[in-house]
């Protein structure tokens, strides 16, 4: 099942994030939406992927926790950068998971 960060990040191009989230959770993601997830790969902090991958049920059940969404790959990269900058400014390191769980649930 898809797991979302309680207070997930969005870029400014997504007008109604809750509606987009609902569509993604139902397996019908809008075109052009990219998701930022925590990474399951050792040594990586985040992954950026097109939301369309979640149409595959096998992938939907293995998807890491979603921490953000953006419209377009370029916006997703910028959002990921913004998240990392926030984490580093607040903590002085890149403990992404710990920071997100403490500040955004």
PDB file of N, CA and C in Angstrom:
ATOM      1  N   UNK A   1       0.826  -1.178   0.000  1.00  0.00           N
ATOM      2  CA  UNK A   1       0.000   0.000   0.000  1.00  0.00           C
ATOM      3  C   UNK A   1       0.882   1.257   0.000  1.00  0.00           C
ATOM      4  N   UNK A   2       0.380   2.302  -0.549  1.00  0.00           N
ATOM      5  CA  UNK A   2       1.143   3.544  -0.641  1.00  0.00           C
ATOM      6  C   UNK A   2       1.145   4.239   0.713  1.00  0.00           C
ATOM      7  N   UNK A   3       2.339   4.636   1.141  1.00  0.00           N
ATOM      8  CA  UNK A   3       2.485   5.348   2.408  1.00  0.00           C
ATOM      9  C   UNK A   3       3.005   6.759   2.111  1.00  0.00           C
ATOM     10  N   UNK A   4       2.353   7.743   2.702  1.00  0.00           N
ATOM     11  CA  UNK A   4       2.702   9.139   2.482  1.00  0.00           C
ATOM     12  C   UNK A   4       3.226   9.754   3.779  1.00  0.00           C
ATOM     13  N   UNK A   5       4.170  10.668   3.644  1.00  0.00           N
ATOM     14  CA  UNK A   5       4.573  11.506   4.767  1.00  0.00           C
ATOM     15  C   UNK A   5       3.362  12.357   5.128  1.00  0.00           C
ATOM     16  N   UNK A   6       3.093  12.523   6.399  1.00  0.00           N
ATOM     17  CA  UNK A   6       1.886  13.249   6.817  1.00  0.00           C
ATOM     18  C   UNK A   6       1.837  14.654   6.213  1.00  0.00           C
ATOM     19  N   UNK A   7       2.913  15.400   6.313  1.00  0.00           N
ATOM     20  CA  UNK A   7       2.982  16.761   5.777  1.00  0.00           C
ATOM     21  C   UNK A   7       3.971  16.747   4.612  1.00  0.00           C
ATOM     22  N   UNK A   8       3.566  16.126   3.501  1.00  0.00           N
ATOM     23  CA  UNK A   8       4.460  15.947   2.359  1.00  0.00           C
ATOM     24  C   UNK A   8       4.713  17.277   1.643  1.00  0.00           C
ATOM     25  N   UNK A   9       5.804  17.304   0.894  1.00  0.00           N
ATOM     26  CA  UNK A   9       6.203  18.484   0.134  1.00  0.00           C
ATOM     27  C   UNK A   9       5.525  18.474  -1.235  1.00  0.00           C
ATOM     28  N   UNK A  10       5.222  19.673  -1.750  1.00  0.00           N
ATOM     29  CA  UNK A  10       4.727  19.809  -3.120  1.00  0.00           C
ATOM     30  C   UNK A  10       5.396  21.019  -3.745  1.00  0.00           C
ATOM     31  N   UNK A  11       5.465  21.019  -5.070  1.00  0.00           N
ATOM     32  CA  UNK A  11       5.948  22.224  -5.729  1.00  0.00           C
ATOM     33  C   UNK A  11       4.763  23.146  -6.001  1.00  0.00           C
ATOM     34  N   UNK A  12       5.038  24.326  -6.483  1.00  0.00           N
ATOM     35  CA  UNK A  12       3.981  25.330  -6.670  1.00  0.00           C
ATOM     36  C   UNK A  12       3.113  25.067  -7.902  1.00  0.00           C
ATOM     37  N   UNK A  13       3.529  24.133  -8.765  1.00  0.00           N
ATOM     38  CA  UNK A  13       2.775  23.873  -9.989  1.00  0.00           C
ATOM     39  C   UNK A  13       1.621  22.898  -9.774  1.00  0.00           C
ATOM     40  N   UNK A  14       1.573  22.244  -8.641  1.00  0.00           N
ATOM     41  CA  UNK A  14       0.455  21.341  -8.345  1.00  0.00           C
ATOM     42  C   UNK A  14      -0.597  22.143  -7.593  1.00  0.00           C
ATOM     43  N   UNK A  15      -1.711  22.385  -8.266  1.00  0.00           N
ATOM     44  CA  UNK A  15      -2.731  23.281  -7.706  1.00  0.00           C
ATOM     45  C   UNK A  15      -3.514  22.684  -6.546  1.00  0.00           C
ATOM     46  N   UNK A  16      -3.940  21.471  -6.664  1.00  0.00           N
ATOM     47  CA  UNK A  16      -4.767  20.827  -5.636  1.00  0.00           C
ATOM     48  C   UNK A  16      -4.084  19.534  -5.195  1.00  0.00           C
ATOM     49  N   UNK A  17      -3.070  19.650  -4.329  1.00  0.00           N
ATOM     50  CA  UNK A  17      -2.282  18.474  -3.964  1.00  0.00           C
ATOM     51  C   UNK A  17      -3.098  17.328  -3.372  1.00  0.00           C
ATOM     52  N   UNK A  18      -4.118  17.612  -2.610  1.00  0.00           N
ATOM     53  CA  UNK A  18      -4.915  16.530  -2.014  1.00  0.00           C
ATOM     54  C   UNK A  18      -5.669  15.736  -3.079  1.00  0.00           C
ATOM     55  N   UNK A  19      -6.152  16.424  -4.116  1.00  0.00           N
ATOM     56  CA  UNK A  19      -6.828  15.717  -5.207  1.00  0.00           C
ATOM     57  C   UNK A  19      -5.845  14.837  -5.977  1.00  0.00           C
ATOM     58  N   UNK A  20      -4.654  15.360  -6.220  1.00  0.00           N
ATOM     59  CA  UNK A  20      -3.624  14.588  -6.918  1.00  0.00           C
ATOM     60  C   UNK A  20      -3.226  13.391  -6.068  1.00  0.00           C
ATOM     61  N   UNK A  21      -3.060  13.603  -4.776  1.00  0.00           N
ATOM     62  CA  UNK A  21      -2.705  12.503  -3.881  1.00  0.00           C
ATOM     63  C   UNK A  21      -3.778  11.404  -3.917  1.00  0.00           C
ATOM     64  N   UNK A  22      -5.015  11.797  -3.884  1.00  0.00           N
ATOM     65  CA  UNK A  22      -6.118  10.835  -3.903  1.00  0.00           C
ATOM     66  C   UNK A  22      -6.085  10.012  -5.196  1.00  0.00           C
ATOM     67  N   UNK A  23      -5.849  10.673  -6.325  1.00  0.00           N
ATOM     68  CA  UNK A  23      -5.781   9.964  -7.600  1.00  0.00           C
ATOM     69  C   UNK A  23      -4.611   8.980  -7.618  1.00  0.00           C
ATOM     70  N   UNK A  24      -3.479   9.416  -7.095  1.00  0.00           N
ATOM     71  CA  UNK A  24      -2.307   8.540  -7.048  1.00  0.00           C
ATOM     72  C   UNK A  24      -2.595   7.332  -6.166  1.00  0.00           C
ATOM     73  N   UNK A  25      -3.188   7.570  -5.021  1.00  0.00           N
ATOM     74  CA  UNK A  25      -3.489   6.471  -4.098  1.00  0.00           C
ATOM     75  C   UNK A  25      -4.492   5.478  -4.678  1.00  0.00           C
ATOM     76  N   UNK A  26      -5.332   5.923  -5.587  1.00  0.00           N
ATOM     77  CA  UNK A  26      -6.307   5.043  -6.234  1.00  0.00           C
ATOM     78  C   UNK A  26      -5.734   4.330  -7.457  1.00  0.00           C
ATOM     79  N   UNK A  27      -4.461   4.616  -7.760  1.00  0.00           N
ATOM     80  CA  UNK A  27      -3.824   3.970  -8.904  1.00  0.00           C
ATOM     81  C   UNK A  27      -4.088   4.639 -10.231  1.00  0.00           C
ATOM     82  N   UNK A  28      -4.522   5.902 -10.199  1.00  0.00           N
ATOM     83  CA  UNK A  28      -4.797   6.648 -11.425  1.00  0.00           C
ATOM     84  C   UNK A  28      -4.069   7.991 -11.393  1.00  0.00           C
ATOM     85  N   UNK A  29      -2.726   7.953 -11.400  1.00  0.00           N
ATOM     86  CA  UNK A  29      -1.960   9.194 -11.280  1.00  0.00           C
ATOM     87  C   UNK A  29      -2.080  10.075 -12.522  1.00  0.00           C
ATOM     88  N   UNK A  30      -2.166  11.372 -12.337  1.00  0.00           N
ATOM     89  CA  UNK A  30      -2.201  12.298 -13.471  1.00  0.00           C
ATOM     90  C   UNK A  30      -0.868  12.287 -14.225  1.00  0.00           C
ATOM     91  N   UNK A  31      -0.930  12.571 -15.497  1.00  0.00           N
ATOM     92  CA  UNK A  31       0.280  12.614 -16.327  1.00  0.00           C
ATOM     93  C   UNK A  31       1.204  13.735 -15.872  1.00  0.00           C
ATOM     94  N   UNK A  32       2.495  13.477 -15.924  1.00  0.00           N
ATOM     95  CA  UNK A  32       3.490  14.491 -15.638  1.00  0.00           C
ATOM     96  C   UNK A  32       3.843  14.670 -14.178  1.00  0.00           C
ATOM     97  N   UNK A  33       3.210  13.928 -13.286  1.00  0.00           N
ATOM     98  CA  UNK A  33       3.495  14.059 -11.856  1.00  0.00           C
ATOM     99  C   UNK A  33       4.645  13.119 -11.496  1.00  0.00           C
ATOM    100  N   UNK A  34       5.604  13.652 -10.778  1.00  0.00           N
ATOM    101  CA  UNK A  34       6.742  12.876 -10.282  1.00  0.00           C
ATOM    102  C   UNK A  34       6.686  12.828  -8.767  1.00  0.00           C
ATOM    103  N   UNK A  35       7.095  11.702  -8.223  1.00  0.00           N
ATOM    104  CA  UNK A  35       7.098  11.507  -6.776  1.00  0.00           C
ATOM    105  C   UNK A  35       8.519  11.468  -6.252  1.00  0.00           C
ATOM    106  N   UNK A  36       8.694  12.006  -5.070  1.00  0.00           N
ATOM    107  CA  UNK A  36       9.974  11.919  -4.362  1.00  0.00           C
ATOM    108  C   UNK A  36       9.728  10.994  -3.186  1.00  0.00           C
ATOM    109  N   UNK A  37      10.522   9.937  -3.114  1.00  0.00           N
ATOM    110  CA  UNK A  37      10.348   8.947  -2.064  1.00  0.00           C
ATOM    111  C   UNK A  37      11.640   8.782  -1.291  1.00  0.00           C
ATOM    112  N   UNK A  38      11.517   8.262  -0.087  1.00  0.00           N
ATOM    113  CA  UNK A  38      12.702   7.827   0.630  1.00  0.00           C
ATOM    114  C   UNK A  38      13.264   6.640  -0.138  1.00  0.00           C
ATOM    115  N   UNK A  39      14.565   6.461  -0.096  1.00  0.00           N
ATOM    116  CA  UNK A  39      15.182   5.391  -0.861  1.00  0.00           C
ATOM    117  C   UNK A  39      15.339   4.126  -0.032  1.00  0.00           C
ATOM    118  N   UNK A  40      15.128   2.989  -0.679  1.00  0.00           N
ATOM    119  CA  UNK A  40      15.403   1.698  -0.055  1.00  0.00           C
ATOM    120  C   UNK A  40      16.824   1.228  -0.355  1.00  0.00           C
ATOM    121  N   UNK A  41      17.512   1.950  -1.227  1.00  0.00           N
ATOM    122  CA  UNK A  41      18.862   1.579  -1.634  1.00  0.00           C
ATOM    123  C   UNK A  41      19.879   2.149  -0.650  1.00  0.00           C
ATOM    124  N   UNK A  42      20.724   1.296  -0.086  1.00  0.00           N
ATOM    125  CA  UNK A  42      21.753   1.804   0.838  1.00  0.00           C
ATOM    126  C   UNK A  42      22.634   2.846   0.154  1.00  0.00           C
ATOM    127  N   UNK A  43      22.880   3.934   0.859  1.00  0.00           N
ATOM    128  CA  UNK A  43      23.708   5.011   0.326  1.00  0.00           C
ATOM    129  C   UNK A  43      22.932   6.096  -0.389  1.00  0.00           C
ATOM    130  N   UNK A  44      21.687   5.856  -0.706  1.00  0.00           N
ATOM    131  CA  UNK A  44      20.848   6.868  -1.349  1.00  0.00           C
ATOM    132  C   UNK A  44      19.883   7.447  -0.325  1.00  0.00           C
ATOM    133  N   UNK A  45      19.568   8.727  -0.479  1.00  0.00           N
ATOM    134  CA  UNK A  45      18.620   9.368   0.422  1.00  0.00           C
ATOM    135  C   UNK A  45      17.199   9.358  -0.142  1.00  0.00           C
ATOM    136  N   UNK A  46      17.087   9.688  -1.434  1.00  0.00           N
ATOM    137  CA  UNK A  46      15.779   9.821  -2.066  1.00  0.00           C
ATOM    138  C   UNK A  46      15.807   9.220  -3.458  1.00  0.00           C
ATOM    139  N   UNK A  47      14.621   8.983  -3.970  1.00  0.00           N
ATOM    140  CA  UNK A  47      14.435   8.549  -5.353  1.00  0.00           C
ATOM    141  C   UNK A  47      13.386   9.464  -5.981  1.00  0.00           C
ATOM    142  N   UNK A  48      13.538   9.733  -7.265  1.00  0.00           N
ATOM    143  CA  UNK A  48      12.545  10.492  -8.022  1.00  0.00           C
ATOM    144  C   UNK A  48      12.013   9.555  -9.095  1.00  0.00           C
ATOM    145  N   UNK A  49      10.685   9.444  -9.150  1.00  0.00           N
ATOM    146  CA  UNK A  49      10.088   8.522 -10.114  1.00  0.00           C
ATOM    147  C   UNK A  49       8.780   9.082 -10.643  1.00  0.00           C
ATOM    148  N   UNK A  50       8.422   8.723 -11.869  1.00  0.00           N
ATOM    149  CA  UNK A  50       7.122   9.149 -12.377  1.00  0.00           C
ATOM    150  C   UNK A  50       5.998   8.438 -11.629  1.00  0.00           C
ATOM    151  N   UNK A  51       4.969   9.168 -11.309  1.00  0.00           N
ATOM    152  CA  UNK A  51       3.838   8.590 -10.570  1.00  0.00           C
ATOM    153  C   UNK A  51       3.156   7.490 -11.365  1.00  0.00           C
ATOM    154  N   UNK A  52       3.294   7.502 -12.672  1.00  0.00           N
ATOM    155  CA  UNK A  52       2.685   6.485 -13.519  1.00  0.00           C
ATOM    156  C   UNK A  52       3.154   5.075 -13.201  1.00  0.00           C
ATOM    157  N   UNK A  53       4.333   4.942 -12.582  1.00  0.00           N
ATOM    158  CA  UNK A  53       4.813   3.615 -12.197  1.00  0.00           C
ATOM    159  C   UNK A  53       3.870   2.933 -11.215  1.00  0.00           C
ATOM    160  N   UNK A  54       3.109   3.721 -10.478  1.00  0.00           N
ATOM    161  CA  UNK A  54       2.213   3.149  -9.475  1.00  0.00           C
ATOM    162  C   UNK A  54       0.980   2.484 -10.085  1.00  0.00           C
ATOM    163  N   UNK A  55       0.839   2.570 -11.402  1.00  0.00           N
ATOM    164  CA  UNK A  55      -0.247   1.828 -12.058  1.00  0.00           C
ATOM    165  C   UNK A  55       0.010   0.329 -11.983  1.00  0.00           C
ATOM    166  N   UNK A  56       1.269  -0.029 -11.806  1.00  0.00           N
ATOM    167  CA  UNK A  56       1.634  -1.433 -11.665  1.00  0.00           C
ATOM    168  C   UNK A  56       1.422  -1.834 -10.205  1.00  0.00           C
ATOM    169  N   UNK A  57       0.507  -2.730  -9.968  1.00  0.00           N
ATOM    170  CA  UNK A  57       0.162  -3.096  -8.588  1.00  0.00           C
ATOM    171  C   UNK A  57       1.349  -3.627  -7.806  1.00  0.00           C
ATOM    172  N   UNK A  58       2.214  -4.387  -8.456  1.00  0.00           N
ATOM    173  CA  UNK A  58       3.389  -4.928  -7.754  1.00  0.00           C
ATOM    174  C   UNK A  58       4.276  -3.789  -7.261  1.00  0.00           C
ATOM    175  N   UNK A  59       4.419  -2.760  -8.067  1.00  0.00           N
ATOM    176  CA  UNK A  59       5.242  -1.625  -7.658  1.00  0.00           C
ATOM    177  C   UNK A  59       4.543  -0.816  -6.571  1.00  0.00           C
ATOM    178  N   UNK A  60       3.227  -0.701  -6.676  1.00  0.00           N
ATOM    179  CA  UNK A  60       2.469   0.071  -5.691  1.00  0.00           C
ATOM    180  C   UNK A  60       2.687  -0.470  -4.276  1.00  0.00           C
ATOM    181  N   UNK A  61       2.753  -1.788  -4.148  1.00  0.00           N
ATOM    182  CA  UNK A  61       2.911  -2.396  -2.830  1.00  0.00           C
ATOM    183  C   UNK A  61       4.350  -2.355  -2.316  1.00  0.00           C
ATOM    184  N   UNK A  62       5.312  -2.060  -3.203  1.00  0.00           N
ATOM    185  CA  UNK A  62       6.714  -1.977  -2.786  1.00  0.00           C
ATOM    186  C   UNK A  62       7.228  -0.542  -2.760  1.00  0.00           C
ATOM    187  N   UNK A  63       6.385   0.411  -3.037  1.00  0.00           N
ATOM    188  CA  UNK A  63       6.805   1.807  -3.115  1.00  0.00           C
ATOM    189  C   UNK A  63       7.250   2.320  -1.748  1.00  0.00           C
ATOM    190  N   UNK A  64       8.443   2.928  -1.678  1.00  0.00           N
ATOM    191  CA  UNK A  64       8.871   3.531  -0.409  1.00  0.00           C
ATOM    192  C   UNK A  64       7.965   4.700  -0.034  1.00  0.00           C
ATOM    193  N   UNK A  65       8.112   5.185   1.173  1.00  0.00           N
ATOM    194  CA  UNK A  65       7.290   6.305   1.672  1.00  0.00           C
ATOM    195  C   UNK A  65       7.468   7.523   0.767  1.00  0.00           C
ATOM    196  N   UNK A  66       6.345   8.091   0.347  1.00  0.00           N
ATOM    197  CA  UNK A  66       6.359   9.278  -0.519  1.00  0.00           C
ATOM    198  C   UNK A  66       6.494  10.515   0.354  1.00  0.00           C
ATOM    199  N   UNK A  67       7.494  11.341   0.043  1.00  0.00           N
ATOM    200  CA  UNK A  67       7.720  12.547   0.836  1.00  0.00           C
ATOM    201  C   UNK A  67       7.411  13.823   0.065  1.00  0.00           C
ATOM    202  N   UNK A  68       7.191  13.699  -1.253  1.00  0.00           N
ATOM    203  CA  UNK A  68       6.876  14.889  -2.021  1.00  0.00           C
ATOM    204  C   UNK A  68       6.402  14.555  -3.417  1.00  0.00           C
ATOM    205  N   UNK A  69       5.790  15.549  -4.076  1.00  0.00           N
ATOM    206  CA  UNK A  69       5.377  15.383  -5.461  1.00  0.00           C
ATOM    207  C   UNK A  69       5.522  16.700  -6.187  1.00  0.00           C
ATOM    208  N   UNK A  70       5.795  16.575  -7.484  1.00  0.00           N
ATOM    209  CA  UNK A  70       6.026  17.760  -8.307  1.00  0.00           C
ATOM    210  C   UNK A  70       5.486  17.505  -9.707  1.00  0.00           C
ATOM    211  N   UNK A  71       5.241  18.579 -10.421  1.00  0.00           N
ATOM    212  CA  UNK A  71       4.777  18.493 -11.798  1.00  0.00           C
ATOM    213  C   UNK A  71       5.982  18.648 -12.708  1.00  0.00           C
ATOM    214  N   UNK A  72       6.425  17.560 -13.289  1.00  0.00           N
ATOM    215  CA  UNK A  72       7.582  17.569 -14.172  1.00  0.00           C
ATOM    216  C   UNK A  72       8.849  17.136 -13.451  1.00  0.00           C
ATOM    217  N   UNK A  73       9.744  16.533 -14.222  1.00  0.00           N
ATOM    218  CA  UNK A  73      10.973  16.005 -13.637  1.00  0.00           C
ATOM    219  C   UNK A  73      11.885  17.117 -13.119  1.00  0.00           C
ATOM    220  N   UNK A  74      11.990  18.211 -13.862  1.00  0.00           N
ATOM    221  CA  UNK A  74      12.824  19.329 -13.424  1.00  0.00           C
ATOM    222  C   UNK A  74      12.359  19.904 -12.097  1.00  0.00           C
ATOM    223  N   UNK A  75      11.058  20.041 -11.941  1.00  0.00           N
ATOM    224  CA  UNK A  75      10.505  20.541 -10.677  1.00  0.00           C
ATOM    225  C   UNK A  75      10.753  19.557  -9.549  1.00  0.00           C
ATOM    226  N   UNK A  76      10.709  18.263  -9.868  1.00  0.00           N
ATOM    227  CA  UNK A  76      10.970  17.241  -8.849  1.00  0.00           C
ATOM    228  C   UNK A  76      12.420  17.316  -8.371  1.00  0.00           C
ATOM    229  N   UNK A  77      13.341  17.534  -9.294  1.00  0.00           N
ATOM    230  CA  UNK A  77      14.747  17.662  -8.918  1.00  0.00           C
ATOM    231  C   UNK A  77      14.942  18.892  -8.029  1.00  0.00           C
ATOM    232  N   UNK A  78      14.309  19.997  -8.386  1.00  0.00           N
ATOM    233  CA  UNK A  78      14.418  21.212  -7.574  1.00  0.00           C
ATOM    234  C   UNK A  78      13.801  21.021  -6.193  1.00  0.00           C
ATOM    235  N   UNK A  79      12.689  20.317  -6.127  1.00  0.00           N
ATOM    236  CA  UNK A  79      12.044  20.058  -4.843  1.00  0.00           C
ATOM    237  C   UNK A  79      12.926  19.163  -3.968  1.00  0.00           C
ATOM    238  N   UNK A  80      13.531  18.150  -4.559  1.00  0.00           N
ATOM    239  CA  UNK A  80      14.438  17.279  -3.813  1.00  0.00           C
ATOM    240  C   UNK A  80      15.622  18.080  -3.272  1.00  0.00           C
ATOM    241  N   UNK A  81      16.143  18.975  -4.085  1.00  0.00           N
ATOM    242  CA  UNK A  81      17.243  19.842  -3.650  1.00  0.00           C
ATOM    243  C   UNK A  81      16.805  20.723  -2.486  1.00  0.00           C
ATOM    244  N   UNK A  82      15.608  21.290  -2.597  1.00  0.00           N
ATOM    245  CA  UNK A  82      15.074  22.142  -1.526  1.00  0.00           C
ATOM    246  C   UNK A  82      14.915  21.363  -0.216  1.00  0.00           C
ATOM    247  N   UNK A  83      14.448  20.131  -0.306  1.00  0.00           N
ATOM    248  CA  UNK A  83      14.286  19.294   0.885  1.00  0.00           C
ATOM    249  C   UNK A  83      15.642  19.046   1.544  1.00  0.00           C
ATOM    250  N   UNK A  84      16.632  18.667   0.735  1.00  0.00           N
ATOM    251  CA  UNK A  84      17.964  18.401   1.294  1.00  0.00           C
ATOM    252  C   UNK A  84      18.588  19.648   1.906  1.00  0.00           C
ATOM    253  N   UNK A  85      18.405  20.790   1.259  1.00  0.00           N
ATOM    254  CA  UNK A  85      18.922  22.036   1.825  1.00  0.00           C
ATOM    255  C   UNK A  85      18.269  22.339   3.168  1.00  0.00           C
ATOM    256  N   UNK A  86      16.971  22.131   3.264  1.00  0.00           N
ATOM    257  CA  UNK A  86      16.258  22.354   4.527  1.00  0.00           C
ATOM    258  C   UNK A  86      16.801  21.439   5.627  1.00  0.00           C
ATOM    259  N   UNK A  87      16.973  20.171   5.301  1.00  0.00           N
ATOM    260  CA  UNK A  87      17.488  19.207   6.282  1.00  0.00           C
ATOM    261  C   UNK A  87      18.880  19.620   6.742  1.00  0.00           C
ATOM    262  N   UNK A  88      19.739  19.987   5.813  1.00  0.00           N
ATOM    263  CA  UNK A  88      21.113  20.350   6.173  1.00  0.00           C
ATOM    264  C   UNK A  88      21.155  21.636   7.004  1.00  0.00           C
ATOM    265  N   UNK A  89      20.341  22.623   6.628  1.00  0.00           N
ATOM    266  CA  UNK A  89      20.311  23.880   7.382  1.00  0.00           C
ATOM    267  C   UNK A  89      19.817  23.666   8.818  1.00  0.00           C
ATOM    268  N   UNK A  90      18.862  22.783   9.000  1.00  0.00           N
ATOM    269  CA  UNK A  90      18.286  22.569  10.317  1.00  0.00           C
ATOM    270  C   UNK A  90      19.107  21.635  11.205  1.00  0.00           C
ATOM    271  N   UNK A  91      19.804  20.671  10.586  1.00  0.00           N
ATOM    272  CA  UNK A  91      20.488  19.654  11.388  1.00  0.00           C
ATOM    273  C   UNK A  91      21.998  19.641  11.242  1.00  0.00           C
ATOM    274  N   UNK A  92      22.519  20.196  10.162  1.00  0.00           N
ATOM    275  CA  UNK A  92      23.958  20.167   9.928  1.00  0.00           C
ATOM    276  C   UNK A  92      24.430  18.860   9.312  1.00  0.00           C
ATOM    277  N   UNK A  93      23.518  17.956   8.991  1.00  0.00           N
ATOM    278  CA  UNK A  93      23.880  16.722   8.288  1.00  0.00           C
ATOM    279  C   UNK A  93      22.722  16.329   7.376  1.00  0.00           C
ATOM    280  N   UNK A  94      22.794  15.126   6.825  1.00  0.00           N
ATOM    281  CA  UNK A  94      21.785  14.686   5.874  1.00  0.00           C
ATOM    282  C   UNK A  94      20.955  13.528   6.414  1.00  0.00           C
ATOM    283  N   UNK A  95      20.598  13.567   7.688  1.00  0.00           N
ATOM    284  CA  UNK A  95      19.739  12.552   8.301  1.00  0.00           C
ATOM    285  C   UNK A  95      18.299  12.786   7.895  1.00  0.00           C
ATOM    286  N   UNK A  96      18.003  12.508   6.652  1.00  0.00           N
ATOM    287  CA  UNK A  96      16.705  12.831   6.060  1.00  0.00           C
ATOM    288  C   UNK A  96      15.535  12.153   6.766  1.00  0.00           C
ATOM    289  N   UNK A  97      15.593  10.840   6.921  1.00  0.00           N
ATOM    290  CA  UNK A  97      14.469  10.107   7.536  1.00  0.00           C
ATOM    291  C   UNK A  97      14.173  10.598   8.939  1.00  0.00           C
ATOM    292  N   UNK A  98      15.202  10.735   9.752  1.00  0.00           N
ATOM    293  CA  UNK A  98      15.003  11.194  11.134  1.00  0.00           C
ATOM    294  C   UNK A  98      14.399  12.588  11.163  1.00  0.00           C
ATOM    295  N   UNK A  99      14.919  13.477  10.347  1.00  0.00           N
ATOM    296  CA  UNK A  99      14.419  14.856  10.304  1.00  0.00           C
ATOM    297  C   UNK A  99      12.947  14.890   9.895  1.00  0.00           C
ATOM    298  N   UNK A 100      12.603  14.158   8.849  1.00  0.00           N
ATOM    299  CA  UNK A 100      11.218  14.170   8.365  1.00  0.00           C
ATOM    300  C   UNK A 100      10.254  13.599   9.379  1.00  0.00           C
ATOM    301  N   UNK A 101      10.628  12.543  10.037  1.00  0.00           N
ATOM    302  CA  UNK A 101       9.737  11.930  11.045  1.00  0.00           C
ATOM    303  C   UNK A 101       9.538  12.853  12.245  1.00  0.00           C
ATOM    304  N   UNK A 102      10.558  13.618  12.607  1.00  0.00           N
ATOM    305  CA  UNK A 102      10.451  14.532  13.743  1.00  0.00           C
ATOM    306  C   UNK A 102       9.668  15.799  13.413  1.00  0.00           C
ATOM    307  N   UNK A 103       9.813  16.306  12.197  1.00  0.00           N
ATOM    308  CA  UNK A 103       9.203  17.595  11.865  1.00  0.00           C
ATOM    309  C   UNK A 103       7.912  17.504  11.072  1.00  0.00           C
ATOM    310  N   UNK A 104       7.745  16.448  10.266  1.00  0.00           N
ATOM    311  CA  UNK A 104       6.594  16.374   9.375  1.00  0.00           C
ATOM    312  C   UNK A 104       5.777  15.104   9.536  1.00  0.00           C
ATOM    313  N   UNK A 105       6.171  14.259  10.451  1.00  0.00           N
ATOM    314  CA  UNK A 105       5.422  13.052  10.778  1.00  0.00           C
ATOM    315  C   UNK A 105       5.409  12.062   9.701  1.00  0.00           C
TER     316      UNK A 105
END
